[in-house]
Amino acid sequence: MGILKKALEKLRPDTDKGSGKTDSGQGRSKVTNKILYNELIEHFKVDMEELSVGRRILYPMSFNILLHPSDYDRVGESLPFILPEVVAGFYAAIKAKKASMQESDATPPATYWFFQFASSKVKTEDDQESFIKPGEIVTVGRLVTFDIKAQKGMRTENLGLSIKCQNSNVNQNNINQEALLGMEILTNNAFMFNFDKNMSEKLGDIQSSQRGGNNALATLTYSDGTTNVHLKMLDDLVILSGPQETRNMENIMIINSEAVEVGHVQIRYVKEANKFQLCAYSKTRLNMREVPLSVGGVPIWKDMSFNSDIFLNDEVNVKFKASDSIISRL
C-alpha cells in the first residue's frame, strides 16, 4: 500500500503539489456519476498541462480513484458504463491540446488506460487509517500502470493485481457485454481499455485491449490474500507454477504459495476440437477429482470443461473460465 500512503500524504489541505488531487468542492454531500466524470476529465486536463513540455504532450493513463464508502456504494455499479465516456473525453482533450501546438507529439506513454477504484478507508504501512469525506474524490494519476508486478519482483504485463472492494461486484451482475465498448474488467473495481491510435471520442470506436479481452482464449484467477491475480490465456499453452519459478514468461502464472511446485500444471487449447486439456506434474484436483500425475516427458492430458476449478495440492484454488468467443464455437 506504499503508493496509496504516499499519494494520500500529498493530498493534505496545505499542499496542492504532486500527482494526486482532491476535489475542490468541499462540503459536497455526495458524489454522482456526473461529478465523478467531471472530476476525472478535469484531473486529466490539469495533469496534461503540467506534464507536457516543448512539443511533447504527456498525460496520465493510469488512475487510482478513492471515494467515501457511501459514495462508492452509489456509483460503484455504474463504473463500467461511465468509463467509456471518460476515455472518450480524454481523447477529445488530447486532440484539442494537439491542435493548439504546432508539430506536437501526443504518442501515448502506455499501451492501455487503467482505472482502479477503492473505498476511502486505507490502511497504510504504519497501520494508520486515512479517510475521505462524503462528497470528496481523491484521484491519483500516473503515466503508466500502478506498479503491477508478479511475484518475486518479476514484471509481467499479463498479470492484473488489485485491491478487493466488497461494496460492489460488477462481475456477478447480469451485464450486457456489448454495452462495455471494449472494456476489459480485471477485477471488481479495476478496468482497462486499449489505447486507440485514432483517438476517436466516438464511443463505438473504442477498441478492446490487444493483450486480452476478445483475443484471450480463457482467464485463470486465484486469490492471494486480499488480492485477485488474473492470467489471460493468450497462447495455446499456459503453465501454473510456484514461487520458485525463475522463468518470466507471459504464459506462466506464478502462484504465491509454497504448496505449488514449479511447473505444477499445464493447460492447453486444442484448436481442432475446440477444447481445453490439463496435465498435472504435482498433486492436482480438477473439479474435485484427482488428476493422474504425468512423469517426465509423457504428459497425461485430461479434458476439462469451459468453467473449471483447479485445486493445487488441496490448498490453492484456481478458477478457469473459457472466453465467450470459444464457447460460442460449440
Protein backbone atom coordinates (compact mmCIF):
# COMPACT_ATOMS: atom_id res chain seq x y z
CA MET A 1 0.00 0.00 0.00
CA GLY A 2 3.03 2.31 -0.25
CA ILE A 3 1.66 4.05 -3.34
CA LEU A 4 -1.61 4.99 -1.63
CA LYS A 5 0.19 6.13 1.50
CA LYS A 6 2.49 8.45 -0.42
CA ALA A 7 -0.38 9.72 -2.52
CA LEU A 8 -2.55 10.50 0.49
CA GLU A 9 0.32 12.35 2.18
CA LYS A 10 0.43 14.66 -0.83
CA LEU A 11 -3.28 15.33 -0.63
CA ARG A 12 -3.37 17.25 2.64
CA PRO A 13 -5.11 20.68 2.59
CA ASP A 14 -1.82 22.59 2.97
CA THR A 15 -0.44 21.49 -0.39
CA ASP A 16 -1.53 21.22 -3.97
CA LYS A 17 1.61 19.56 -5.26
CA GLY A 18 2.02 16.00 -6.51
CA SER A 19 0.17 13.80 -8.93
CA GLY A 20 -2.82 13.28 -6.61
CA LYS A 21 -5.64 15.80 -6.37
CA THR A 22 -8.69 16.16 -4.20
CA ASP A 23 -11.94 17.53 -5.46
CA SER A 24 -12.25 21.26 -4.86
CA GLY A 25 -15.93 21.10 -3.91
CA GLN A 26 -15.51 20.76 -0.14
CA GLY A 27 -18.74 20.33 1.81
CA ARG A 28 -20.47 18.49 -1.02
CA SER A 29 -22.77 15.83 0.35
CA LYS A 30 -22.39 13.11 -2.30
CA VAL A 31 -20.64 12.04 -5.48
CA THR A 32 -22.77 11.35 -8.55
CA ASN A 33 -21.84 9.84 -11.92
CA LYS A 34 -21.70 13.30 -13.48
CA ILE A 35 -19.50 14.68 -10.70
CA LEU A 36 -17.13 11.71 -11.00
CA TYR A 37 -16.95 12.13 -14.78
CA ASN A 38 -16.15 15.85 -14.48
CA GLU A 39 -13.51 15.18 -11.81
CA LEU A 40 -11.65 12.66 -13.98
CA ILE A 41 -11.77 14.86 -17.09
CA GLU A 42 -10.57 17.93 -15.17
CA HIS A 43 -7.84 15.96 -13.42
CA PHE A 44 -6.68 14.65 -16.79
CA LYS A 45 -6.52 18.13 -18.35
CA VAL A 46 -4.61 19.62 -15.41
CA ASP A 47 -2.09 16.78 -15.40
CA MET A 48 -1.64 17.01 -19.16
CA GLU A 49 -0.92 20.74 -18.85
CA GLU A 50 1.60 20.18 -16.04
CA LEU A 51 3.36 17.21 -17.65
CA SER A 52 3.66 18.43 -21.26
CA VAL A 53 6.88 20.15 -22.27
CA GLY A 54 8.09 21.63 -25.54
CA ARG A 55 6.29 19.80 -28.34
CA ARG A 56 5.83 16.65 -26.26
CA ILE A 57 2.29 16.14 -24.96
CA LEU A 58 2.26 13.90 -21.90
CA TYR A 59 -0.77 12.74 -19.96
CA PRO A 60 -1.66 10.17 -17.27
CA MET A 61 -3.04 6.82 -18.41
CA SER A 62 -3.36 5.11 -15.02
CA PHE A 63 -5.78 6.33 -12.37
CA ASN A 64 -6.44 5.31 -8.78
CA ILE A 65 -9.68 6.87 -7.54
CA LEU A 66 -10.59 6.84 -3.85
CA LEU A 67 -14.14 7.53 -2.63
CA HIS A 68 -16.01 7.55 0.64
CA PRO A 69 -17.77 4.16 1.14
CA SER A 70 -21.22 5.74 0.81
CA ASP A 71 -20.20 7.35 -2.49
CA TYR A 72 -18.71 4.10 -3.74
CA ASP A 73 -21.98 2.35 -2.94
CA ARG A 74 -23.76 4.97 -5.02
CA VAL A 75 -21.57 4.97 -8.15
CA GLY A 76 -19.88 1.54 -7.93
CA GLU A 77 -22.35 -0.27 -10.14
CA SER A 78 -22.18 2.47 -12.80
CA LEU A 79 -18.40 2.45 -13.21
CA PRO A 80 -18.20 0.05 -16.19
CA PHE A 81 -20.74 2.18 -18.06
CA ILE A 82 -19.39 5.68 -17.42
CA LEU A 83 -15.71 4.88 -18.07
CA PRO A 84 -16.14 4.65 -21.87
CA GLU A 85 -17.43 8.24 -21.69
CA VAL A 86 -14.40 9.20 -19.61
CA VAL A 87 -11.98 7.67 -22.11
CA ALA A 88 -13.79 9.42 -24.97
CA GLY A 89 -13.37 12.69 -23.06
CA PHE A 90 -9.66 12.03 -22.67
CA TYR A 91 -9.27 11.61 -26.43
CA ALA A 92 -11.13 14.87 -27.05
CA ALA A 93 -8.81 16.68 -24.61
CA ILE A 94 -5.67 15.22 -26.23
CA LYS A 95 -6.83 16.25 -29.71
CA ALA A 96 -7.65 19.78 -28.50
CA LYS A 97 -4.20 20.08 -26.93
CA LYS A 98 -2.54 18.73 -30.06
CA ALA A 99 -4.43 21.23 -32.25
CA SER A 100 -3.16 24.10 -30.08
CA MET A 101 0.51 23.11 -30.52
CA GLN A 102 2.29 23.03 -33.85
CA GLU A 103 4.17 19.84 -34.75
CA SER A 104 3.28 18.32 -31.37
CA ASP A 105 3.84 14.68 -30.41
CA ALA A 106 1.00 13.01 -28.47
CA THR A 107 2.34 9.42 -28.53
CA PRO A 108 0.78 7.60 -25.54
CA PRO A 109 3.15 6.81 -22.65
CA ALA A 110 1.37 3.47 -22.03
CA THR A 111 -0.40 0.90 -24.20
CA TYR A 112 -3.71 0.96 -22.33
CA TRP A 113 -5.87 3.05 -19.99
CA PHE A 114 -6.13 1.69 -16.46
CA PHE A 115 -8.69 2.64 -13.77
CA GLN A 116 -8.86 1.34 -10.22
CA PHE A 117 -11.46 2.41 -7.64
CA ALA A 118 -11.43 1.85 -3.89
CA SER A 119 -13.23 2.94 -0.73
CA SER A 120 -11.51 5.65 1.25
CA LYS A 121 -10.56 3.67 4.34
CA VAL A 122 -6.94 2.85 3.55
CA LYS A 123 -4.57 1.09 5.95
CA THR A 124 -1.02 2.29 5.38
CA GLU A 125 2.32 0.64 6.12
CA ASP A 126 2.30 2.34 9.54
CA ASP A 127 -1.12 0.81 10.33
CA GLN A 128 -2.67 4.28 10.21
CA GLU A 129 -6.02 4.75 8.53
CA SER A 130 -6.91 7.64 6.24
CA PHE A 131 -10.45 8.67 5.48
CA ILE A 132 -12.12 10.67 2.76
CA LYS A 133 -15.16 12.81 3.45
CA PRO A 134 -18.52 12.14 1.77
CA GLY A 135 -18.61 14.04 -1.49
CA GLU A 136 -14.81 14.12 -1.81
CA ILE A 137 -12.84 12.44 -4.60
CA VAL A 138 -9.11 11.67 -4.46
CA THR A 139 -7.63 10.98 -7.89
CA VAL A 140 -4.04 9.79 -8.28
CA GLY A 141 -2.80 9.79 -11.87
CA ARG A 142 0.35 8.32 -13.34
CA LEU A 143 1.79 7.98 -16.83
CA VAL A 144 1.81 4.18 -16.70
CA THR A 145 0.05 1.45 -14.73
CA PHE A 146 0.40 1.38 -10.95
CA ASP A 147 3.32 -0.98 -10.17
CA ILE A 148 1.55 -4.18 -11.22
CA LYS A 149 4.05 -6.98 -10.63
CA ALA A 150 4.17 -10.74 -10.50
CA GLN A 151 5.66 -12.50 -7.51
CA LYS A 152 9.43 -12.46 -6.82
CA GLY A 153 9.73 -8.98 -8.31
CA MET A 154 9.32 -10.07 -11.93
CA ARG A 155 7.29 -7.70 -14.05
CA THR A 156 4.64 -9.38 -16.20
CA GLU A 157 2.20 -7.19 -18.12
CA ASN A 158 -0.22 -10.09 -18.39
CA LEU A 159 -0.97 -10.10 -14.66
CA GLY A 160 -3.61 -7.86 -13.14
CA LEU A 161 -3.34 -7.09 -9.43
CA SER A 162 -5.81 -5.04 -7.42
CA ILE A 163 -7.31 -4.37 -4.01
CA LYS A 164 -10.59 -6.17 -3.44
CA CYS A 165 -13.58 -3.91 -2.97
CA GLN A 166 -16.50 -5.53 -1.22
CA ASN A 167 -19.04 -2.78 -1.89
CA SER A 168 -19.89 -3.78 -5.44
CA ASN A 169 -19.22 -6.81 -7.58
CA VAL A 170 -19.88 -5.92 -11.19
CA ASN A 171 -18.61 -9.29 -12.39
CA GLN A 172 -21.55 -11.06 -10.76
CA ASN A 173 -24.16 -8.79 -12.28
CA ASN A 174 -26.12 -9.51 -15.44
CA ILE A 175 -24.08 -7.13 -17.60
CA ASN A 176 -24.62 -6.72 -21.31
CA GLN A 177 -21.04 -7.03 -22.56
CA GLU A 178 -21.86 -5.11 -25.74
CA ALA A 179 -22.51 -2.04 -23.59
CA LEU A 180 -18.96 -2.04 -22.28
CA LEU A 181 -17.42 -0.94 -25.60
CA GLY A 182 -14.11 -2.75 -25.47
CA MET A 183 -13.59 -2.60 -21.71
CA GLU A 184 -11.70 -5.39 -20.01
CA ILE A 185 -12.82 -5.96 -16.41
CA LEU A 186 -9.72 -7.05 -14.48
CA THR A 187 -11.38 -7.28 -11.06
CA ASN A 188 -14.49 -5.94 -9.34
CA ASN A 189 -13.02 -2.44 -9.23
CA ALA A 190 -10.26 -2.36 -11.88
CA PHE A 191 -10.82 -1.73 -15.60
CA MET A 192 -8.76 -1.18 -18.73
CA PHE A 193 -9.07 -0.11 -22.38
CA ASN A 194 -6.52 -0.47 -25.11
CA PHE A 195 -5.29 2.89 -26.43
CA ASP A 196 -6.96 3.87 -29.70
CA LYS A 197 -4.34 5.33 -32.05
CA ASN A 198 -7.05 7.27 -33.88
CA MET A 199 -8.03 8.90 -30.56
CA SER A 200 -11.67 8.82 -31.56
CA GLU A 201 -14.10 10.15 -28.97
CA LYS A 202 -16.89 8.19 -30.64
CA LEU A 203 -17.70 5.51 -28.09
CA GLY A 204 -18.34 2.82 -30.69
CA ASP A 205 -14.76 3.20 -31.93
CA ILE A 206 -13.11 2.32 -28.62
CA GLN A 207 -11.25 -0.94 -29.18
CA SER A 208 -10.63 -3.91 -26.91
CA SER A 209 -7.24 -4.49 -25.35
CA GLN A 210 -4.83 -6.29 -27.67
CA ARG A 211 -3.46 -8.21 -24.69
CA GLY A 212 -6.57 -9.98 -23.51
CA GLY A 213 -10.24 -9.11 -23.94
CA ASN A 214 -11.69 -10.73 -27.04
CA ASN A 215 -8.26 -12.11 -28.00
CA ALA A 216 -7.93 -14.28 -24.90
CA LEU A 217 -8.76 -17.98 -25.03
CA ALA A 218 -9.57 -18.10 -21.31
CA THR A 219 -8.96 -16.42 -17.97
CA LEU A 220 -7.39 -18.01 -14.89
CA THR A 221 -7.87 -16.42 -11.47
CA TYR A 222 -6.70 -17.15 -7.94
CA SER A 223 -6.91 -15.21 -4.68
CA ASP A 224 -3.65 -14.23 -2.98
CA GLY A 225 -4.79 -12.91 0.39
CA THR A 226 -6.58 -9.61 -0.27
CA THR A 227 -5.84 -9.55 -3.98
CA ASN A 228 -7.13 -11.33 -7.06
CA VAL A 229 -4.49 -12.36 -9.60
CA HIS A 230 -5.52 -12.97 -13.20
CA LEU A 231 -3.84 -14.57 -16.19
CA LYS A 232 -5.24 -14.11 -19.67
CA MET A 233 -4.58 -17.24 -21.72
CA LEU A 234 -3.21 -15.75 -24.94
CA ASP A 235 -1.22 -18.79 -26.09
CA ASP A 236 -2.25 -22.38 -26.77
CA LEU A 237 -0.35 -23.49 -23.66
CA VAL A 238 -0.16 -21.97 -20.16
CA ILE A 239 1.68 -23.17 -17.06
CA LEU A 240 0.71 -22.85 -13.39
CA SER A 241 3.90 -22.64 -11.36
CA GLY A 242 5.06 -21.96 -7.80
CA PRO A 243 7.11 -19.14 -6.24
CA GLN A 244 10.41 -20.86 -7.04
CA GLU A 245 9.77 -20.38 -10.76
CA THR A 246 12.59 -18.42 -12.43
CA ARG A 247 11.13 -18.04 -15.92
CA ASN A 248 9.48 -14.69 -16.68
CA MET A 249 7.05 -15.50 -19.48
CA GLU A 250 3.54 -14.30 -20.26
CA ASN A 251 2.16 -17.83 -20.44
CA ILE A 252 3.30 -18.71 -16.90
CA MET A 253 1.10 -17.89 -13.91
CA ILE A 254 3.30 -17.72 -10.83
CA ILE A 255 1.26 -18.59 -7.73
CA ASN A 256 2.49 -17.22 -4.44
CA SER A 257 2.16 -20.38 -2.35
CA GLU A 258 4.73 -22.90 -1.18
CA ALA A 259 2.09 -25.57 -1.84
CA VAL A 260 2.56 -25.05 -5.58
CA GLU A 261 5.52 -26.65 -7.32
CA VAL A 262 7.47 -25.34 -10.30
CA GLY A 263 5.62 -26.49 -13.44
CA HIS A 264 2.77 -27.81 -11.30
CA VAL A 265 0.14 -27.85 -14.09
CA GLN A 266 -0.07 -27.29 -17.83
CA ILE A 267 -3.24 -26.32 -19.69
CA ARG A 268 -3.53 -26.41 -23.45
CA TYR A 269 -6.13 -25.43 -26.03
CA VAL A 270 -6.77 -27.95 -28.80
CA LYS A 271 -7.99 -25.80 -31.67
CA GLU A 272 -9.15 -28.65 -33.91
CA ALA A 273 -11.51 -29.97 -31.22
CA ASN A 274 -12.22 -26.58 -29.61
CA LYS A 275 -11.47 -27.91 -26.14
CA PHE A 276 -9.08 -27.45 -23.22
CA GLN A 277 -6.98 -30.12 -21.57
CA LEU A 278 -4.94 -30.26 -18.38
CA CYS A 279 -1.96 -32.32 -17.28
CA ALA A 280 -0.52 -32.31 -13.76
CA TYR A 281 3.03 -32.95 -12.55
CA SER A 282 2.15 -32.47 -8.85
CA LYS A 283 -0.98 -33.21 -6.82
CA THR A 284 -3.98 -31.61 -8.52
CA ARG A 285 -7.75 -31.94 -8.45
CA LEU A 286 -9.85 -30.90 -11.43
CA ASN A 287 -13.40 -30.09 -10.31
CA MET A 288 -12.70 -32.09 -7.12
CA ARG A 289 -11.46 -35.19 -8.97
CA GLU A 290 -7.80 -36.06 -8.56
CA VAL A 291 -5.81 -35.95 -11.79
CA PRO A 292 -3.29 -38.72 -12.59
CA LEU A 293 0.26 -37.39 -12.43
CA SER A 294 2.40 -37.07 -15.54
CA VAL A 295 6.00 -38.18 -15.29
CA GLY A 296 8.94 -36.91 -17.31
CA GLY A 297 8.18 -36.26 -20.94
CA VAL A 298 4.98 -38.30 -21.04
CA PRO A 299 2.08 -35.95 -20.22
CA ILE A 300 -1.33 -37.39 -19.39
CA TRP A 301 -3.91 -34.95 -20.75
CA LYS A 302 -7.39 -34.76 -19.23
CA ASP A 303 -10.27 -32.91 -20.87
CA MET A 304 -11.61 -30.02 -18.83
CA SER A 305 -14.88 -28.11 -19.02
CA PHE A 306 -15.06 -24.47 -20.09
CA ASN A 307 -15.65 -23.44 -16.47
CA SER A 308 -13.47 -25.41 -14.06
CA ASP A 309 -11.97 -25.29 -10.59
CA ILE A 310 -8.36 -26.42 -10.32
CA PHE A 311 -7.14 -27.32 -6.83
CA LEU A 312 -3.35 -27.37 -6.43
CA ASN A 313 -2.15 -29.62 -3.61
CA ASP A 314 -5.57 -29.15 -1.95
CA GLU A 315 -4.56 -25.62 -0.87
CA VAL A 316 -4.85 -23.23 -3.82
CA ASN A 317 -7.97 -22.90 -5.95
CA VAL A 318 -7.52 -21.56 -9.49
CA LYS A 319 -10.69 -20.74 -11.38
CA PHE A 320 -10.63 -21.36 -15.13
CA LYS A 321 -13.13 -19.69 -17.47
CA ALA A 322 -13.09 -20.02 -21.25
CA SER A 323 -13.81 -16.86 -23.24
CA ASP A 324 -17.24 -16.32 -24.76
CA SER A 325 -15.73 -16.49 -28.25
CA ILE A 326 -14.51 -20.05 -27.57
CA ILE A 327 -17.81 -21.17 -26.03
CA SER A 328 -19.78 -19.75 -28.97
CA ARG A 329 -17.95 -22.12 -31.35
CA LEU A 330 -19.85 -25.10 -29.98
